[in-house]
Amino acid sequence: MTRMGGSPPHFEGKNFAYWKVHMGVYLDAIAPEVWIATKTGFTGNLTSEQLKWNAKARNAIFEAISEEVFARVNDINLACDIWKELIEIHEGLELNMMLLKC
């Protein structure tokens, strides 16, 4: 499958909700399997095809995030686990920031 042109949306650590939606669309545009590898992952032992989709997803995510964000997830091997960690870090942080403003 050929990749659509353009760079992934860049994430510097702010406005995660906006980036998350755009990144999901970007990953799906690469290939639906890349988005599946990121959003839900695959069950059981990964096939060579699933490993390929996971690698493409990890690469796209790593291209999209700043060095500071990368430092928090670079040792995670599965794209779905990276995605979950980013959500936990940034949505949890955003929720905490909103609660502190009350």
Protein backbone atom coordinates (compact mmCIF):
# COMPACT_ATOMS: atom_id res chain seq x y z
CA MET A 1 0.00 0.00 0.00
CA THR A 2 1.36 3.41 -0.89
CA ARG A 3 1.63 6.09 1.73
CA MET A 4 -0.17 9.38 1.31
CA GLY A 5 2.01 12.46 1.16
CA GLY A 6 2.61 14.83 4.00
CA SER A 7 4.19 14.72 7.40
CA PRO A 8 2.52 13.51 10.57
CA PRO A 9 1.03 16.16 12.83
CA HIS A 10 3.69 17.26 15.29
CA PHE A 11 3.09 17.05 19.04
CA GLU A 12 5.11 19.19 21.44
CA GLY A 13 3.18 18.28 24.58
CA LYS A 14 0.26 20.73 24.33
CA ASN A 15 -3.28 20.35 23.00
CA PHE A 16 -3.18 16.56 23.04
CA ALA A 17 -6.88 16.12 22.16
CA TYR A 18 -6.37 17.99 18.88
CA TRP A 19 -3.20 16.05 18.02
CA LYS A 20 -4.73 12.69 18.94
CA VAL A 21 -7.57 13.06 16.44
CA HIS A 22 -5.28 14.25 13.66
CA MET A 23 -2.73 11.53 14.38
CA GLY A 24 -5.41 8.84 14.30
CA VAL A 25 -6.53 10.03 10.87
CA TYR A 26 -2.93 10.19 9.68
CA LEU A 27 -2.25 6.60 10.82
CA ASP A 28 -5.46 5.35 9.20
CA ALA A 29 -4.46 7.07 5.95
CA ILE A 30 -1.16 5.17 5.94
CA ALA A 31 -3.15 1.93 6.15
CA PRO A 32 -6.11 0.79 8.24
CA GLU A 33 -3.86 -1.91 9.73
CA VAL A 34 -1.48 0.77 11.01
CA TRP A 35 -4.36 2.43 12.84
CA ILE A 36 -5.53 -0.95 14.21
CA ALA A 37 -1.99 -1.68 15.45
CA THR A 38 -2.12 1.65 17.29
CA LYS A 39 -5.68 1.84 18.54
CA THR A 40 -6.24 -1.74 19.71
CA GLY A 41 -3.16 -3.76 18.82
CA PHE A 42 -3.25 -7.41 17.82
CA THR A 43 -3.92 -10.41 20.03
CA GLY A 44 -1.68 -13.42 20.51
CA ASN A 45 1.70 -13.90 18.91
CA LEU A 46 2.22 -11.30 16.22
CA THR A 47 2.58 -12.48 12.63
CA SER A 48 5.24 -10.97 10.39
CA GLU A 49 2.54 -8.79 8.78
CA GLN A 50 1.34 -7.57 12.17
CA LEU A 51 4.92 -6.82 13.18
CA LYS A 52 5.25 -4.75 9.99
CA TRP A 53 2.08 -2.76 10.78
CA ASN A 54 3.27 -2.22 14.35
CA ALA A 55 6.66 -0.98 13.11
CA LYS A 56 5.01 1.47 10.70
CA ALA A 57 2.79 2.75 13.50
CA ARG A 58 5.69 3.17 15.94
CA ASN A 59 7.73 4.95 13.29
CA ALA A 60 4.91 7.39 12.50
CA ILE A 61 4.29 8.11 16.19
CA PHE A 62 8.00 8.65 16.87
CA GLU A 63 8.23 10.99 13.86
CA ALA A 64 5.30 12.99 15.21
CA ILE A 65 6.40 13.61 18.79
CA SER A 66 8.98 15.97 20.25
CA GLU A 67 12.15 14.71 21.90
CA GLU A 68 10.67 15.46 25.32
CA VAL A 69 7.57 13.36 24.64
CA PHE A 70 9.68 10.66 22.96
CA ALA A 71 11.78 10.28 26.11
CA ARG A 72 8.67 9.15 27.97
CA VAL A 73 7.68 6.36 25.55
CA ASN A 74 10.76 5.35 23.56
CA ASP A 75 11.25 2.03 25.35
CA ILE A 76 7.74 0.73 24.55
CA ASN A 77 7.64 -1.86 21.75
CA LEU A 78 3.98 -2.01 20.79
CA ALA A 79 2.28 0.95 19.11
CA CYS A 80 -0.93 0.34 21.05
CA ASP A 81 0.99 0.54 24.33
CA ILE A 82 2.68 3.78 23.22
CA TRP A 83 -0.74 5.19 22.31
CA LYS A 84 -2.22 4.17 25.67
CA GLU A 85 0.72 5.68 27.55
CA LEU A 86 0.43 8.96 25.64
CA ILE A 87 -3.27 9.08 26.44
CA GLU A 88 -2.65 8.33 30.11
CA ILE A 89 0.13 10.91 30.39
CA HIS A 90 -1.57 13.74 28.52
CA GLU A 91 -5.27 13.25 29.14
CA GLY A 92 -4.60 12.53 32.78
CA LEU A 93 -2.43 15.65 32.91
CA GLU A 94 -5.07 17.75 31.14
CA LEU A 95 -7.75 16.44 33.51
CA ASN A 96 -5.58 17.27 36.53
CA MET A 97 -4.93 20.76 35.17
CA MET A 98 -8.67 21.32 34.71
CA LEU A 99 -9.37 20.16 38.26
CA LEU A 100 -6.70 22.48 39.65
CA LYS A 101 -8.42 25.47 37.99
CA CYS A 102 -11.67 24.84 39.89
